[in-house]
Protein backbone atom coordinates (compact mmCIF):
# COMPACT_ATOMS: atom_id res chain seq x y z
CA MET A 1 0.00 0.00 0.00
CA SER A 2 1.31 3.45 -0.86
CA GLU A 3 2.14 6.06 1.70
CA HIS A 4 -0.90 8.10 0.69
CA GLY A 5 -3.18 5.11 1.18
CA LYS A 6 -1.68 4.42 4.58
CA ARG A 7 -2.08 8.03 5.56
CA VAL A 8 -5.73 8.07 4.44
CA GLY A 9 -6.39 4.78 6.22
CA GLY A 10 -4.81 6.16 9.37
CA ASP A 11 -6.90 9.28 9.20
CA ILE A 12 -10.04 7.20 8.77
CA ALA A 13 -9.12 4.94 11.68
CA GLY A 14 -8.35 7.95 13.85
CA ALA A 15 -11.63 9.58 12.95
CA ALA A 16 -13.45 6.34 13.72
CA CYS A 17 -11.72 6.08 17.10
CA ARG A 18 -12.50 9.68 17.93
CA GLY A 19 -16.12 9.16 16.85
CA LEU A 20 -16.34 6.03 19.00
CA VAL A 21 -14.94 7.87 22.01
CA ALA A 22 -17.32 10.78 21.45
CA SER A 23 -20.31 8.44 21.07
CA ARG A 24 -19.35 6.62 24.26
CA GLY A 25 -19.12 9.96 26.04
CA ARG A 26 -22.54 10.97 24.78
CA LEU A 27 -23.91 7.58 25.80
CA ARG A 28 -22.46 7.95 29.30
CA ARG A 29 -23.95 11.43 29.62
CA ARG A 30 -27.32 10.17 28.41
CA HIS A 31 -27.28 7.30 30.88
CA ALA A 32 -26.29 9.71 33.63
CA ALA A 33 -29.15 12.03 32.66
CA GLU A 34 -31.54 9.07 32.72
CA ARG A 35 -30.31 8.07 36.19
CA ARG A 36 -30.74 11.64 37.41
CA PHE A 37 -34.24 11.79 35.93
CA LYS A 38 -35.08 8.48 37.61
CA GLY A 39 -33.75 9.80 40.91
CA TYR A 40 -35.74 13.01 40.55
CA SER A 41 -38.86 10.95 39.85
CA ILE A 42 -38.30 8.78 42.92
CA VAL A 43 -37.73 11.86 45.09
CA ALA A 44 -40.88 13.51 43.68
CA VAL A 45 -42.94 10.39 44.41
CA MET A 46 -41.53 10.18 47.93
CA VAL A 47 -42.23 13.86 48.59
CA ALA A 48 -45.77 13.56 47.23
CA THR A 49 -46.39 10.42 49.30
CA GLY A 50 -45.02 12.12 52.41
CA LEU A 51 -47.21 15.18 51.90
CA LEU A 52 -50.23 12.93 51.34
CA VAL A 53 -49.49 11.05 54.56
CA VAL A 54 -49.15 14.34 56.45
CA LEU A 55 -52.42 15.61 54.97
CA VAL A 56 -54.31 12.41 55.80
CA ALA A 57 -52.83 12.36 59.30
CA ALA A 58 -53.81 15.99 59.91
CA ILE A 59 -57.36 15.38 58.66
CA GLY A 60 -57.62 12.13 60.63
CA SER A 61 -56.40 13.69 63.87
CA ARG A 62 -59.00 16.42 63.60
CA ALA A 63 -61.75 14.12 62.35
CA ALA A 64 -61.12 11.73 65.24
CA GLN A 65 -62.75 14.30 67.53
CA GLY A 66 -66.04 13.56 65.80
CA PHE A 67 -65.93 9.94 67.03
CA ARG A 68 -65.39 10.97 70.64
CA GLN A 69 -67.97 12.71 72.77
CA THR A 70 -68.02 14.11 76.28
CA PHE A 71 -70.40 12.38 78.68
CA LEU A 72 -71.52 13.39 82.17
CA THR A 73 -72.22 10.58 84.63
CA LEU A 74 -74.71 12.03 87.12
CA ARG A 75 -76.46 10.52 90.11
CA ILE A 76 -80.19 10.62 89.40
CA GLU A 77 -82.74 9.96 92.14
CA ILE A 78 -86.48 9.50 91.60
CA THR A 79 -88.72 10.40 94.53
CA GLU A 80 -92.38 9.61 95.04
CA ALA A 81 -93.22 13.27 94.51
CA ASP A 82 -91.92 13.07 90.95
CA VAL A 83 -94.54 10.60 89.71
CA ASP A 84 -98.18 9.69 90.16
CA PRO A 85 -98.42 7.10 93.00
CA THR A 86 -100.80 4.99 90.93
CA GLU A 87 -98.19 4.67 88.19
CA ALA A 88 -95.15 4.11 90.40
CA SER A 89 -94.86 0.43 89.44
CA ASP A 90 -95.27 0.89 85.69
CA PRO A 91 -91.96 1.65 83.90
CA LEU A 92 -93.76 2.94 80.81
CA ALA A 93 -95.87 5.30 82.92
CA LEU A 94 -92.77 6.38 84.85
CA ALA A 95 -91.34 7.66 81.60
CA SER A 96 -93.99 10.37 81.54
CA ALA A 97 -92.57 12.01 84.68
CA ASN A 98 -91.11 15.51 84.58
CA VAL A 99 -87.57 14.38 83.92
CA LEU A 100 -86.35 17.93 83.29
CA SER A 101 -87.05 18.90 86.89
CA ILE A 102 -85.37 15.68 88.03
CA LEU A 103 -82.26 16.58 86.04
CA LYS A 104 -82.16 20.10 87.43
CA ARG A 105 -82.54 18.84 90.98
CA SER A 106 -79.66 16.40 90.47
CA LEU A 107 -77.41 19.16 89.13
CA ARG A 108 -78.27 21.41 92.08
CA ALA A 109 -77.52 18.57 94.47
CA ARG A 110 -74.11 18.13 92.84
CA PHE A 111 -73.29 21.86 93.06
CA PRO A 112 -75.26 23.41 95.93
CA ASP A 113 -73.17 26.59 95.71
CA ALA A 114 -75.14 27.68 92.60
CA MET A 115 -77.75 29.97 94.13
CA SER A 116 -78.61 32.88 91.85
CA ARG A 117 -80.79 32.61 88.78
CA THR A 118 -77.81 33.27 86.51
CA GLU A 119 -75.70 30.60 88.16
CA LEU A 120 -78.53 28.08 87.98
CA SER A 121 -79.03 28.85 84.30
CA GLU A 122 -75.32 28.29 83.67
CA LEU A 123 -75.42 25.05 85.70
CA TYR A 124 -78.38 23.65 83.77
CA ALA A 125 -76.64 24.51 80.48
CA ILE A 126 -73.91 21.95 81.21
CA ALA A 127 -76.19 19.09 80.25
CA SER A 128 -77.43 18.67 76.71
CA MET A 129 -81.02 19.26 75.69
CA ILE A 130 -81.20 15.53 74.99
CA ALA A 131 -80.17 14.61 78.55
CA PRO A 132 -83.79 14.38 79.87
CA ASP A 133 -84.50 11.78 77.20
CA ARG A 134 -81.64 9.64 78.53
CA ILE A 135 -83.19 9.77 82.00
CA ARG A 136 -86.55 8.84 80.51
CA ASP A 137 -84.95 5.89 78.71
CA ALA A 138 -83.43 4.67 81.98
CA MET A 139 -86.85 4.87 83.63
CA ARG A 140 -88.50 3.07 80.72
CA THR A 141 -86.00 0.18 80.83
CA GLY A 142 -86.36 -0.19 84.59
CA ASP A 143 -82.79 0.86 85.41
CA LEU A 144 -84.20 3.80 87.37
CA GLY A 145 -87.28 3.55 89.57
CA VAL A 146 -89.15 5.35 92.32
CA GLY A 147 -87.23 5.54 95.56
CA SER A 148 -83.99 4.48 93.95
CA ALA A 149 -80.94 6.26 92.60
CA ALA A 150 -78.63 5.36 89.76
CA ARG A 151 -75.77 6.88 87.87
CA VAL A 152 -76.92 7.78 84.37
CA ARG A 153 -74.61 8.75 81.51
CA LEU A 154 -75.78 11.95 79.85
CA GLU A 155 -74.53 14.02 76.94
CA VAL A 156 -73.14 17.46 77.74
CA SER A 157 -73.82 20.57 75.69
CA ASP A 158 -71.77 21.42 72.65
CA GLU A 159 -69.94 24.26 74.41
CA ILE A 160 -68.84 21.98 77.25
CA ASP A 161 -67.84 19.25 74.79
CA ALA A 162 -65.64 21.67 72.83
CA PHE A 163 -64.02 22.89 76.06
CA VAL A 164 -63.23 19.38 77.30
CA LYS A 165 -61.73 18.48 73.91
CA GLY A 166 -59.46 21.51 74.11
CA LEU A 167 -61.06 23.34 71.21
CA VAL A 168 -61.88 26.30 73.47
CA GLY A 169 -59.07 27.59 75.65
CA ARG A 170 -59.68 28.72 79.19
CA GLU A 171 -57.15 31.51 78.69
CA LEU A 172 -59.50 33.32 76.32
CA PRO A 173 -61.39 36.30 77.71
CA ALA A 174 -64.92 35.55 78.87
CA THR A 175 -66.30 37.68 76.04
CA HIS A 176 -64.57 35.47 73.45
CA ARG A 177 -65.94 32.11 74.60
CA LYS A 178 -69.42 30.72 75.18
CA ILE A 179 -68.49 28.85 78.35
CA THR A 180 -68.50 30.93 81.53
CA ASP A 181 -66.01 30.97 84.37
CA ASN A 182 -68.50 29.22 86.66
CA GLN A 183 -69.01 26.45 84.11
CA ILE A 184 -65.25 26.02 83.78
CA ARG A 185 -64.96 25.65 87.55
CA TRP A 186 -67.79 23.09 87.67
CA VAL A 187 -66.42 21.14 84.70
CA ASP A 188 -62.98 21.00 86.32
CA ALA A 189 -64.56 19.56 89.45
CA LEU A 190 -66.49 16.97 87.41
CA VAL A 191 -63.38 16.01 85.45
CA ALA A 192 -61.39 15.67 88.67
CA ASP A 193 -63.79 13.11 90.16
CA GLY A 194 -64.29 11.26 86.88
CA SER A 195 -67.89 12.34 86.32
CA ILE A 196 -66.99 13.92 82.96
CA ALA A 197 -64.92 11.98 80.49
CA LEU A 198 -64.42 11.53 76.77
CA ALA A 199 -65.63 8.27 75.26
CA TRP A 200 -65.92 6.80 71.81
CA THR A 201 -69.41 7.05 70.40
CA ARG A 202 -71.23 5.61 67.41
CA GLY A 203 -73.81 8.36 67.49
CA PHE A 204 -71.97 10.27 64.77
CA PHE A 205 -73.14 7.64 62.27
CA ARG A 206 -76.30 6.44 64.03
CA ASN A 207 -77.97 9.77 64.78
CA GLY A 208 -79.85 11.90 62.29
CA ASP A 209 -80.20 15.64 61.88
CA SER A 210 -80.64 17.71 65.01
CA ARG A 211 -80.56 21.32 66.08
CA GLU A 212 -78.33 20.22 68.97
CA PRO A 213 -74.76 19.74 67.63
CA GLU A 214 -73.84 17.21 70.31
CA VAL A 215 -76.47 14.72 69.11
CA ALA A 216 -76.39 15.45 65.38
CA GLY A 217 -75.16 12.68 63.10
CA LEU A 218 -74.70 11.60 59.50
CA ARG A 219 -77.27 8.83 59.35
CA ALA A 220 -79.87 10.76 57.35
CA ALA A 221 -77.22 12.13 54.98
CA LEU A 222 -75.65 8.71 54.41
CA VAL A 223 -78.97 6.99 53.82
CA GLY A 224 -80.20 9.77 51.53
CA THR A 225 -76.96 9.76 49.55
CA ALA A 226 -77.06 5.98 49.12
CA MET A 227 -80.68 6.05 47.95
CA THR A 228 -80.11 8.95 45.55
CA LEU A 229 -76.97 7.44 44.01
CA SER A 230 -78.71 4.07 43.68
CA VAL A 231 -81.43 5.68 41.58
CA THR A 232 -78.81 7.61 39.60
CA LEU A 233 -76.69 4.56 38.87
CA GLY A 234 -79.72 2.37 38.11
CA LEU A 235 -80.92 4.82 35.46
CA ALA A 236 -77.71 6.27 34.04
CA PHE A 237 -75.56 3.14 33.68
CA PRO A 238 -77.79 0.95 31.48
CA LEU A 239 -79.06 3.89 29.42
CA GLY A 240 -75.55 5.27 28.95
CA VAL A 241 -74.04 1.92 27.93
CA LEU A 242 -76.89 1.14 25.53
CA ALA A 243 -76.75 4.62 23.96
CA ALA A 244 -72.97 4.46 23.57
CA THR A 245 -73.15 0.96 22.07
CA TYR A 246 -75.80 1.99 19.56
CA LEU A 247 -74.02 5.19 18.52
CA GLU A 248 -70.65 3.47 18.14
CA GLU A 249 -71.65 0.11 16.63
CA PHE A 250 -75.08 0.31 15.01
CA ALA A 251 -76.03 3.93 14.24
CA PRO A 252 -75.59 5.02 10.60
CA ARG A 253 -73.14 7.82 9.97
CA ASN A 254 -75.42 10.61 8.79
CA ARG A 255 -76.41 14.17 9.69
CA TRP A 256 -78.78 13.15 12.47
CA THR A 257 -76.21 10.97 14.19
CA SER A 258 -73.70 13.82 14.04
CA LEU A 259 -76.31 16.16 15.53
CA VAL A 260 -76.92 13.74 18.42
CA GLU A 261 -73.18 13.41 19.07
CA VAL A 262 -72.71 17.19 19.13
CA ASN A 263 -75.61 17.59 21.55
CA ILE A 264 -74.21 14.91 23.86
CA ASN A 265 -70.84 16.67 23.93
CA ASN A 266 -72.55 19.99 24.63
CA LEU A 267 -74.68 18.54 27.45
CA ALA A 268 -71.52 17.34 29.21
CA ALA A 269 -70.53 21.00 29.68
CA VAL A 270 -73.93 22.31 30.81
CA PRO A 271 -73.90 23.64 34.42
CA SER A 272 -75.57 21.34 36.91
CA VAL A 273 -78.07 24.00 38.03
CA ILE A 274 -79.63 23.86 34.54
CA PHE A 275 -80.45 20.19 35.07
CA GLY A 276 -81.96 21.10 38.43
CA LEU A 277 -84.21 23.70 36.79
CA LEU A 278 -85.16 21.13 34.16
CA GLY A 279 -86.18 18.68 36.86
CA LEU A 280 -88.16 21.36 38.68
CA ALA A 281 -90.01 22.46 35.55
CA LEU A 282 -90.54 19.06 33.95
CA LEU A 283 -90.61 16.36 36.61
CA LEU A 284 -92.31 18.32 39.39
CA ASN A 285 -94.48 20.91 37.66
CA VAL A 286 -95.46 19.01 34.51
CA PHE A 287 -95.53 15.37 35.60
CA GLY A 288 -96.40 16.13 39.21
CA MET A 289 -93.89 13.71 40.73
CA PRO A 290 -93.37 13.76 44.52
CA ARG A 291 -90.83 16.24 45.87
CA SER A 292 -88.40 13.48 46.82
CA SER A 293 -84.64 13.86 46.74
CA PRO A 294 -83.89 10.13 46.22
CA LEU A 295 -86.41 9.74 43.38
CA VAL A 296 -86.57 13.05 41.52
CA GLY A 297 -83.07 14.07 42.59
CA GLY A 298 -81.70 10.73 41.41
CA MET A 299 -83.44 11.15 38.04
CA VAL A 300 -82.00 14.64 37.60
CA LEU A 301 -78.51 13.46 38.54
CA ALA A 302 -78.91 10.59 36.07
CA LEU A 303 -79.64 13.08 33.30
CA MET A 304 -76.59 15.06 34.33
CA THR A 305 -74.38 11.95 34.43
CA LEU A 306 -75.53 10.46 31.12
CA PRO A 307 -73.37 12.63 28.76
CA THR A 308 -70.18 11.89 30.68
CA LEU A 309 -70.95 8.18 30.80
CA ILE A 310 -71.86 8.01 27.09
CA ILE A 311 -68.67 9.81 26.02
CA ALA A 312 -66.46 7.54 28.15
CA ALA A 313 -68.29 4.40 27.04
CA ARG A 314 -67.99 5.33 23.35
CA ALA A 315 -64.27 5.93 23.74
CA ALA A 316 -63.86 2.54 25.47
CA ILE A 317 -65.86 0.72 22.78
CA ALA A 318 -63.94 2.44 19.99
CA ALA A 319 -60.65 1.36 21.59
CA VAL A 320 -61.48 -2.35 21.18
CA PRO A 321 -59.35 -3.65 18.26
CA SER A 322 -61.23 -4.33 15.04
CA SER A 323 -59.53 -7.72 14.85
CA ILE A 324 -61.79 -8.85 17.72
CA ARG A 325 -64.86 -8.04 15.68
CA GLU A 326 -63.44 -9.66 12.53
CA ALA A 327 -62.43 -12.85 14.37
CA ALA A 328 -65.89 -13.18 15.97
CA MET A 329 -67.64 -12.69 12.65
CA ALA A 330 -65.28 -15.19 11.01
CA VAL A 331 -66.53 -17.97 13.29
CA GLY A 332 -70.17 -17.17 12.52
CA ALA A 333 -71.20 -14.71 15.26
CA SER A 334 -73.89 -12.21 14.41
CA GLU A 335 -73.34 -8.48 14.75
CA VAL A 336 -75.30 -8.37 18.02
CA GLN A 337 -73.34 -11.33 19.40
CA VAL A 338 -70.07 -9.68 18.45
CA VAL A 339 -71.02 -6.54 20.34
CA LEU A 340 -72.59 -8.17 23.41
CA HIS A 341 -70.21 -11.13 23.81
CA HIS A 342 -66.90 -9.57 22.81
CA VAL A 343 -66.82 -5.80 22.35
CA VAL A 344 -68.74 -4.66 25.43
CA PRO A 345 -66.98 -7.06 27.87
CA LEU A 346 -63.57 -5.92 26.61
CA ALA A 347 -64.64 -2.27 26.90
CA MET A 348 -66.17 -2.69 30.35
CA PRO A 349 -63.09 -1.39 32.31
CA GLY A 350 -63.27 1.89 30.40
CA ILE A 351 -67.04 2.01 30.77
CA LEU A 352 -66.76 1.53 34.53
CA THR A 353 -64.15 4.30 34.67
CA GLY A 354 -66.63 6.66 33.04
CA ALA A 355 -69.35 5.48 35.43
CA ILE A 356 -67.11 6.19 38.43
CA ILE A 357 -66.29 9.67 37.13
CA GLY A 358 -69.96 10.41 36.51
CA MET A 359 -71.04 9.12 39.93
CA ALA A 360 -68.27 11.10 41.62
CA ARG A 361 -69.59 14.25 39.97
CA ALA A 362 -73.14 13.37 41.00
CA LEU A 363 -71.97 12.73 44.56
CA GLY A 364 -70.60 16.25 44.89
CA GLU A 365 -73.50 18.11 43.34
CA THR A 366 -75.96 20.10 45.45
CA ALA A 367 -77.47 22.62 43.01
CA PRO A 368 -79.68 20.07 41.19
CA LEU A 369 -81.05 18.77 44.49
CA LEU A 370 -81.78 22.25 45.78
């Protein structure tokens, strides 16, 4: 080989070596960038998880107060003067006694230093408005009778409950808190001897609505929500799946089908209050249906949920590969069998996702119900 050929070959080999070194350098930098990106992603996930844990813990620590309630264990005594002598042996008749006066007398016996009308009013306000009913229940069950005394557990008022839980500080000026100095002194004495204590209660889920915060619960709201969403899901899911299946698989592609599709997309963006006005004008005023939140409210929420469900279901059905349809038809399945036995089952995860999104929106709506 000539000198020129050797020189050219050397130059080519050198260029190849330099190119190989440069490509390896770029590859190392790219791998390093990928490792850094992976590390950043892991750190971001860890930070997000940590913040979520902190958020849930903060909400849980505050929400735990709703499962605990302050109770007052008070000695209740029933005298013969409190009931009709002819009914003294009948527990059901005993329950008709003036239990409010019995409660007040027991509180005065516990704190005889309360003398003035103001002090007595403050003393009586320690117990909840539902406390007389607890005494009546004890008399009805026979735990409390004439001539006997028993310790009955009673709910305290909302102000006392908040104070015992530490939500109201005693260092606040008297004008900035609803609990008085006398009530604080009496509560401290009751806490000291164990008559007032916090206990876990199921009343938060078992009780219904009440004007007294200490006895109010979520039962009515939970039951009403379950009934309303049952009606919504029972109407919206089958109608939405059937409409999406027809539009995607069977409907001809013409002007009317396009008009229906445009209207469905537009209805998905309509404010929820419009659906509420539609239900008020059509279902209540025209058809005269009962003013029922589970029934009429569920129907209105179903109308509101239908566009979202139809759009999601159509997207899920369209995502099923056409090879599934062709293979089913190749073995002799009819068009309906292809759709019902193959397409819809394969699209069901996406359909259920749309149903969950629609039900979540319905769960948070209040304007249509109002």
